[in-house]
PDB file of all heavy atoms in Angstrom:
ATOM      1  N   LEU A   1     103.831 -43.412 130.654  1.00  0.00           N
ATOM      2  CA  LEU A   1     103.920 -44.856 130.817  1.00  0.00           C
ATOM      3  C   LEU A   1     103.674 -45.316 132.196  1.00  0.00           C
ATOM      4  O   LEU A   1     103.003 -46.273 132.490  1.00  0.00           O
ATOM      5  CB  LEU A   1     105.334 -45.303 130.378  1.00  0.00           C
ATOM      6  CG  LEU A   1     105.589 -45.351 128.863  1.00  0.00           C
ATOM      7  CD1 LEU A   1     107.066 -45.496 128.605  1.00  0.00           C
ATOM      8  CD2 LEU A   1     104.808 -46.429 128.212  1.00  0.00           C
ATOM      9  N   CYS A   2     104.170 -44.512 133.206  1.00  0.00           N
ATOM     10  CA  CYS A   2     103.995 -44.828 134.515  1.00  0.00           C
ATOM     11  C   CYS A   2     102.534 -44.822 134.950  1.00  0.00           C
ATOM     12  O   CYS A   2     102.001 -45.628 135.714  1.00  0.00           O
ATOM     13  CB  CYS A   2     104.800 -43.919 135.522  1.00  0.00           C
ATOM     14  SG  CYS A   2     106.595 -44.140 135.401  1.00  0.00           S
ATOM     15  N   ALA A   3     101.750 -43.884 134.354  1.00  0.00           N
ATOM     16  CA  ALA A   3     100.351 -43.822 134.541  1.00  0.00           C
ATOM     17  C   ALA A   3      99.673 -45.053 133.973  1.00  0.00           C
ATOM     18  O   ALA A   3      98.783 -45.631 134.601  1.00  0.00           O
ATOM     19  CB  ALA A   3      99.817 -42.522 133.956  1.00  0.00           C
ATOM     20  N   ASP A   4     100.101 -45.489 132.748  1.00  0.00           N
ATOM     21  CA  ASP A   4      99.544 -46.648 132.208  1.00  0.00           C
ATOM     22  C   ASP A   4      99.864 -47.915 133.024  1.00  0.00           C
ATOM     23  O   ASP A   4      99.030 -48.770 133.197  1.00  0.00           O
ATOM     24  CB  ASP A   4     100.144 -46.840 130.798  1.00  0.00           C
ATOM     25  CG  ASP A   4      99.603 -45.791 129.793  1.00  0.00           C
ATOM     26  OD1 ASP A   4      98.664 -45.155 130.121  1.00  0.00           O
ATOM     27  OD2 ASP A   4     100.203 -45.679 128.704  1.00  0.00           O
ATOM     28  N   PHE A   5     101.072 -47.953 133.571  1.00  0.00           N
ATOM     29  CA  PHE A   5     101.545 -49.078 134.315  1.00  0.00           C
ATOM     30  C   PHE A   5     100.929 -49.136 135.780  1.00  0.00           C
ATOM     31  O   PHE A   5     100.955 -50.122 136.419  1.00  0.00           O
ATOM     32  CB  PHE A   5     103.073 -49.133 134.445  1.00  0.00           C
ATOM     33  CG  PHE A   5     103.721 -49.328 133.163  1.00  0.00           C
ATOM     34  CD1 PHE A   5     105.104 -49.023 133.026  1.00  0.00           C
ATOM     35  CD2 PHE A   5     103.074 -49.828 132.046  1.00  0.00           C
ATOM     36  CE1 PHE A   5     105.797 -49.215 131.832  1.00  0.00           C
ATOM     37  CE2 PHE A   5     103.790 -50.016 130.820  1.00  0.00           C
ATOM     38  CZ  PHE A   5     105.100 -49.706 130.730  1.00  0.00           C
ATOM     39  N   GLY A   6     100.453 -47.958 136.198  1.00  0.00           N
ATOM     40  CA  GLY A   6     100.010 -47.847 137.596  1.00  0.00           C
ATOM     41  C   GLY A   6     101.062 -47.787 138.553  1.00  0.00           C
ATOM     42  O   GLY A   6     100.915 -48.317 139.699  1.00  0.00           O
ATOM     43  N   CYS A   7     102.140 -47.119 138.226  1.00  0.00           N
ATOM     44  CA  CYS A   7     103.343 -47.067 139.166  1.00  0.00           C
ATOM     45  C   CYS A   7     103.749 -45.644 139.238  1.00  0.00           C
ATOM     46  O   CYS A   7     103.431 -44.772 138.393  1.00  0.00           O
ATOM     47  CB  CYS A   7     104.445 -47.938 138.708  1.00  0.00           C
ATOM     48  SG  CYS A   7     105.183 -47.486 137.101  1.00  0.00           S
ATOM     49  N   ALA A   8     104.532 -45.310 140.265  1.00  0.00           N
ATOM     50  CA  ALA A   8     105.105 -43.976 140.451  1.00  0.00           C
ATOM     51  C   ALA A   8     106.322 -43.782 139.555  1.00  0.00           C
ATOM     52  O   ALA A   8     107.028 -44.761 139.216  1.00  0.00           O
ATOM     53  CB  ALA A   8     105.456 -43.746 141.921  1.00  0.00           C
ATOM     54  N   LEU A   9     106.624 -42.527 139.161  1.00  0.00           N
ATOM     55  CA  LEU A   9     107.813 -42.280 138.361  1.00  0.00           C
ATOM     56  C   LEU A   9     109.049 -42.584 139.214  1.00  0.00           C
ATOM     57  O   LEU A   9     109.234 -42.146 140.355  1.00  0.00           O
ATOM     58  CB  LEU A   9     107.815 -40.725 137.928  1.00  0.00           C
ATOM     59  CG  LEU A   9     109.116 -40.278 137.241  1.00  0.00           C
ATOM     60  CD1 LEU A   9     109.259 -40.972 135.913  1.00  0.00           C
ATOM     61  CD2 LEU A   9     109.087 -38.754 137.197  1.00  0.00           C
ATOM     62  N   ASP A  10     109.926 -43.384 138.617  1.00  0.00           N
ATOM     63  CA  ASP A  10     111.231 -43.711 139.262  1.00  0.00           C
ATOM     64  C   ASP A  10     112.264 -43.775 138.078  1.00  0.00           C
ATOM     65  O   ASP A  10     112.409 -44.776 137.469  1.00  0.00           O
ATOM     66  CB  ASP A  10     111.137 -45.064 140.013  1.00  0.00           C
ATOM     67  CG  ASP A  10     112.406 -45.199 140.917  1.00  0.00           C
ATOM     68  OD1 ASP A  10     113.309 -44.441 140.808  1.00  0.00           O
ATOM     69  OD2 ASP A  10     112.328 -46.190 141.682  1.00  0.00           O
ATOM     70  N   LEU A  11     112.888 -42.669 137.880  1.00  0.00           N
ATOM     71  CA  LEU A  11     113.950 -42.564 136.805  1.00  0.00           C
ATOM     72  C   LEU A  11     115.326 -42.395 137.488  1.00  0.00           C
ATOM     73  O   LEU A  11     115.470 -41.441 138.254  1.00  0.00           O
ATOM     74  CB  LEU A  11     113.616 -41.315 135.995  1.00  0.00           C
ATOM     75  CG  LEU A  11     114.582 -40.844 134.916  1.00  0.00           C
ATOM     76  CD1 LEU A  11     114.875 -41.953 133.888  1.00  0.00           C
ATOM     77  CD2 LEU A  11     114.135 -39.568 134.188  1.00  0.00           C
ATOM     78  N   ARG A  12     116.236 -43.268 137.160  1.00  0.00           N
ATOM     79  CA  ARG A  12     117.500 -43.232 137.813  1.00  0.00           C
ATOM     80  C   ARG A  12     118.698 -43.044 136.850  1.00  0.00           C
ATOM     81  O   ARG A  12     118.636 -43.443 135.694  1.00  0.00           O
ATOM     82  CB  ARG A  12     117.724 -44.478 138.601  1.00  0.00           C
ATOM     83  CG  ARG A  12     116.593 -44.862 139.575  1.00  0.00           C
ATOM     84  CD  ARG A  12     116.863 -46.065 140.406  1.00  0.00           C
ATOM     85  NE  ARG A  12     115.622 -46.417 141.202  1.00  0.00           N
ATOM     86  CZ  ARG A  12     115.667 -47.355 142.132  1.00  0.00           C
ATOM     87  NH1 ARG A  12     116.806 -48.020 142.440  1.00  0.00           N
ATOM     88  NH2 ARG A  12     114.585 -47.640 142.762  1.00  0.00           N
ATOM     89  N   GLY A  13     119.743 -42.472 137.399  1.00  0.00           N
ATOM     90  CA  GLY A  13     121.003 -42.387 136.560  1.00  0.00           C
ATOM     91  C   GLY A  13     121.268 -41.083 135.843  1.00  0.00           C
ATOM     92  O   GLY A  13     122.172 -40.976 134.989  1.00  0.00           O
ATOM     93  N   LEU A  14     120.394 -40.015 136.107  1.00  0.00           N
ATOM     94  CA  LEU A  14     120.612 -38.745 135.408  1.00  0.00           C
ATOM     95  C   LEU A  14     121.786 -38.039 136.036  1.00  0.00           C
ATOM     96  O   LEU A  14     122.147 -38.138 137.242  1.00  0.00           O
ATOM     97  CB  LEU A  14     119.436 -37.842 135.556  1.00  0.00           C
ATOM     98  CG  LEU A  14     118.120 -38.290 134.798  1.00  0.00           C
ATOM     99  CD1 LEU A  14     117.101 -37.201 134.822  1.00  0.00           C
ATOM    100  CD2 LEU A  14     118.354 -38.758 133.388  1.00  0.00           C
ATOM    101  N   THR A  15     122.416 -37.206 135.250  1.00  0.00           N
ATOM    102  CA  THR A  15     123.546 -36.369 135.806  1.00  0.00           C
ATOM    103  C   THR A  15     122.918 -35.060 136.416  1.00  0.00           C
ATOM    104  O   THR A  15     121.753 -34.771 136.192  1.00  0.00           O
ATOM    105  CB  THR A  15     124.463 -35.924 134.652  1.00  0.00           C
ATOM    106  OG1 THR A  15     123.776 -35.110 133.712  1.00  0.00           O
ATOM    107  CG2 THR A  15     125.090 -37.128 134.007  1.00  0.00           C
ATOM    108  N   GLN A  16     123.736 -34.358 137.173  1.00  0.00           N
ATOM    109  CA  GLN A  16     123.253 -33.161 137.813  1.00  0.00           C
ATOM    110  C   GLN A  16     122.862 -32.148 136.677  1.00  0.00           C
ATOM    111  O   GLN A  16     121.827 -31.372 136.806  1.00  0.00           O
ATOM    112  CB  GLN A  16     124.321 -32.558 138.633  1.00  0.00           C
ATOM    113  CG  GLN A  16     123.906 -31.331 139.472  1.00  0.00           C
ATOM    114  CD  GLN A  16     124.859 -30.851 140.451  1.00  0.00           C
ATOM    115  OE1 GLN A  16     126.106 -31.116 140.309  1.00  0.00           O
ATOM    116  NE2 GLN A  16     124.422 -30.248 141.514  1.00  0.00           N
ATOM    117  N   GLU A  17     123.603 -32.110 135.544  1.00  0.00           N
ATOM    118  CA  GLU A  17     123.290 -31.232 134.494  1.00  0.00           C
ATOM    119  C   GLU A  17     121.957 -31.571 133.849  1.00  0.00           C
ATOM    120  O   GLU A  17     121.156 -30.638 133.439  1.00  0.00           O
ATOM    121  CB  GLU A  17     124.401 -31.283 133.398  1.00  0.00           C
ATOM    122  CG  GLU A  17     125.734 -30.665 133.833  1.00  0.00           C
ATOM    123  CD  GLU A  17     126.508 -31.594 134.795  1.00  0.00           C
ATOM    124  OE1 GLU A  17     126.174 -32.802 134.873  1.00  0.00           O
ATOM    125  OE2 GLU A  17     127.419 -31.054 135.390  1.00  0.00           O
ATOM    126  N   GLN A  18     121.594 -32.831 133.799  1.00  0.00           N
ATOM    127  CA  GLN A  18     120.342 -33.216 133.269  1.00  0.00           C
ATOM    128  C   GLN A  18     119.152 -32.858 134.162  1.00  0.00           C
ATOM    129  O   GLN A  18     118.157 -32.370 133.657  1.00  0.00           O
ATOM    130  CB  GLN A  18     120.280 -34.732 132.952  1.00  0.00           C
ATOM    131  CG  GLN A  18     121.138 -35.164 131.798  1.00  0.00           C
ATOM    132  CD  GLN A  18     121.190 -36.601 131.602  1.00  0.00           C
ATOM    133  OE1 GLN A  18     121.463 -37.387 132.572  1.00  0.00           O
ATOM    134  NE2 GLN A  18     120.887 -37.090 130.402  1.00  0.00           N
ATOM    135  N   THR A  19     119.368 -32.961 135.421  1.00  0.00           N
ATOM    136  CA  THR A  19     118.275 -32.603 136.353  1.00  0.00           C
ATOM    137  C   THR A  19     117.974 -31.103 136.296  1.00  0.00           C
ATOM    138  O   THR A  19     116.841 -30.741 136.547  1.00  0.00           O
ATOM    139  CB  THR A  19     118.642 -32.973 137.806  1.00  0.00           C
ATOM    140  OG1 THR A  19     119.793 -32.255 138.279  1.00  0.00           O
ATOM    141  CG2 THR A  19     118.904 -34.433 137.960  1.00  0.00           C
ATOM    142  N   ALA A  20     119.008 -30.324 135.950  1.00  0.00           N
ATOM    143  CA  ALA A  20     118.806 -28.859 135.868  1.00  0.00           C
ATOM    144  C   ALA A  20     117.835 -28.544 134.755  1.00  0.00           C
ATOM    145  O   ALA A  20     117.287 -27.412 134.729  1.00  0.00           O
ATOM    146  CB  ALA A  20     120.135 -28.169 135.647  1.00  0.00           C
ATOM    147  N   GLN A  21     117.601 -29.444 133.771  1.00  0.00           N
ATOM    148  CA  GLN A  21     116.623 -29.234 132.676  1.00  0.00           C
ATOM    149  C   GLN A  21     115.155 -29.492 133.160  1.00  0.00           C
ATOM    150  O   GLN A  21     114.224 -29.115 132.465  1.00  0.00           O
ATOM    151  CB  GLN A  21     116.923 -30.120 131.493  1.00  0.00           C
ATOM    152  CG  GLN A  21     118.329 -29.831 130.931  1.00  0.00           C
ATOM    153  CD  GLN A  21     118.555 -30.741 129.750  1.00  0.00           C
ATOM    154  OE1 GLN A  21     117.735 -30.901 128.804  1.00  0.00           O
ATOM    155  NE2 GLN A  21     119.663 -31.493 129.706  1.00  0.00           N
ATOM    156  N   LEU A  22     115.038 -30.118 134.295  1.00  0.00           N
ATOM    157  CA  LEU A  22     113.695 -30.497 134.817  1.00  0.00           C
ATOM    158  C   LEU A  22     113.198 -29.518 135.901  1.00  0.00           C
ATOM    159  O   LEU A  22     114.058 -29.115 136.681  1.00  0.00           O
ATOM    160  CB  LEU A  22     113.690 -31.927 135.286  1.00  0.00           C
ATOM    161  CG  LEU A  22     114.150 -32.982 134.323  1.00  0.00           C
ATOM    162  CD1 LEU A  22     114.232 -34.402 134.935  1.00  0.00           C
ATOM    163  CD2 LEU A  22     113.191 -33.035 133.040  1.00  0.00           C
ATOM    164  N   SER A  23     111.962 -29.305 135.942  1.00  0.00           N
ATOM    165  CA  SER A  23     111.418 -28.325 136.883  1.00  0.00           C
ATOM    166  C   SER A  23     111.516 -28.836 138.341  1.00  0.00           C
ATOM    167  O   SER A  23     111.004 -29.892 138.650  1.00  0.00           O
ATOM    168  CB  SER A  23     109.966 -28.038 136.588  1.00  0.00           C
ATOM    169  OG  SER A  23     109.378 -27.290 137.572  1.00  0.00           O
ATOM    170  N   PRO A  24     112.187 -28.073 139.206  1.00  0.00           N
ATOM    171  CA  PRO A  24     112.286 -28.492 140.582  1.00  0.00           C
ATOM    172  C   PRO A  24     110.877 -28.370 141.234  1.00  0.00           C
ATOM    173  O   PRO A  24     110.681 -28.934 142.401  1.00  0.00           O
ATOM    174  CB  PRO A  24     113.270 -27.536 141.218  1.00  0.00           C
ATOM    175  CG  PRO A  24     113.192 -26.299 140.315  1.00  0.00           C
ATOM    176  CD  PRO A  24     112.929 -26.859 138.946  1.00  0.00           C
ATOM    177  N   ASP A  25     109.978 -27.644 140.663  1.00  0.00           N
ATOM    178  CA  ASP A  25     108.632 -27.542 141.268  1.00  0.00           C
ATOM    179  C   ASP A  25     107.803 -28.862 141.018  1.00  0.00           C
ATOM    180  O   ASP A  25     106.900 -29.203 141.733  1.00  0.00           O
ATOM    181  CB  ASP A  25     107.834 -26.406 140.616  1.00  0.00           C
ATOM    182  CG  ASP A  25     108.449 -25.034 140.979  1.00  0.00           C
ATOM    183  OD1 ASP A  25     109.053 -24.911 142.090  1.00  0.00           O
ATOM    184  OD2 ASP A  25     108.409 -24.162 140.167  1.00  0.00           O
ATOM    185  N   ALA A  26     108.179 -29.573 139.955  1.00  0.00           N
ATOM    186  CA  ALA A  26     107.437 -30.740 139.553  1.00  0.00           C
ATOM    187  C   ALA A  26     108.133 -32.042 139.940  1.00  0.00           C
ATOM    188  O   ALA A  26     107.464 -33.081 140.259  1.00  0.00           O
ATOM    189  CB  ALA A  26     107.183 -30.847 138.045  1.00  0.00           C
ATOM    190  N   TYR A  27     109.483 -31.998 140.132  1.00  0.00           N
ATOM    191  CA  TYR A  27     110.235 -33.233 140.370  1.00  0.00           C
ATOM    192  C   TYR A  27     111.101 -33.077 141.645  1.00  0.00           C
ATOM    193  O   TYR A  27     111.613 -31.975 141.908  1.00  0.00           O
ATOM    194  CB  TYR A  27     111.068 -33.488 139.198  1.00  0.00           C
ATOM    195  CG  TYR A  27     110.330 -33.737 137.882  1.00  0.00           C
ATOM    196  CD1 TYR A  27     110.330 -32.739 136.942  1.00  0.00           C
ATOM    197  CD2 TYR A  27     109.609 -34.856 137.656  1.00  0.00           C
ATOM    198  CE1 TYR A  27     109.624 -32.843 135.769  1.00  0.00           C
ATOM    199  CE2 TYR A  27     108.931 -35.065 136.447  1.00  0.00           C
ATOM    200  CZ  TYR A  27     108.873 -34.008 135.567  1.00  0.00           C
ATOM    201  OH  TYR A  27     108.228 -34.225 134.370  1.00  0.00           O
ATOM    202  N   ALA A  28     111.269 -34.220 142.253  1.00  0.00           N
ATOM    203  CA  ALA A  28     112.232 -34.311 143.371  1.00  0.00           C
ATOM    204  C   ALA A  28     113.475 -35.079 142.987  1.00  0.00           C
ATOM    205  O   ALA A  28     113.317 -36.128 142.306  1.00  0.00           O
ATOM    206  CB  ALA A  28     111.554 -34.928 144.612  1.00  0.00           C
ATOM    207  N   PHE A  29     114.610 -34.621 143.343  1.00  0.00           N
ATOM    208  CA  PHE A  29     115.872 -35.204 142.915  1.00  0.00           C
ATOM    209  C   PHE A  29     116.659 -35.631 144.124  1.00  0.00           C
ATOM    210  O   PHE A  29     116.674 -34.968 145.204  1.00  0.00           O
ATOM    211  CB  PHE A  29     116.769 -34.204 142.099  1.00  0.00           C
ATOM    212  CG  PHE A  29     115.988 -33.492 141.020  1.00  0.00           C
ATOM    213  CD1 PHE A  29     115.728 -32.136 141.063  1.00  0.00           C
ATOM    214  CD2 PHE A  29     115.521 -34.179 139.940  1.00  0.00           C
ATOM    215  CE1 PHE A  29     115.013 -31.477 140.113  1.00  0.00           C
ATOM    216  CE2 PHE A  29     114.832 -33.582 138.897  1.00  0.00           C
ATOM    217  CZ  PHE A  29     114.572 -32.175 139.033  1.00  0.00           C
TER     218      PHE A  29
END
């Protein structure tokens, strides 16, 4: 969706446990 909108990814409000499911190589927390 961000690509369609022409904006950078900005996702807020995740818990620390949720961020652990996402790749630290791909995302900055």
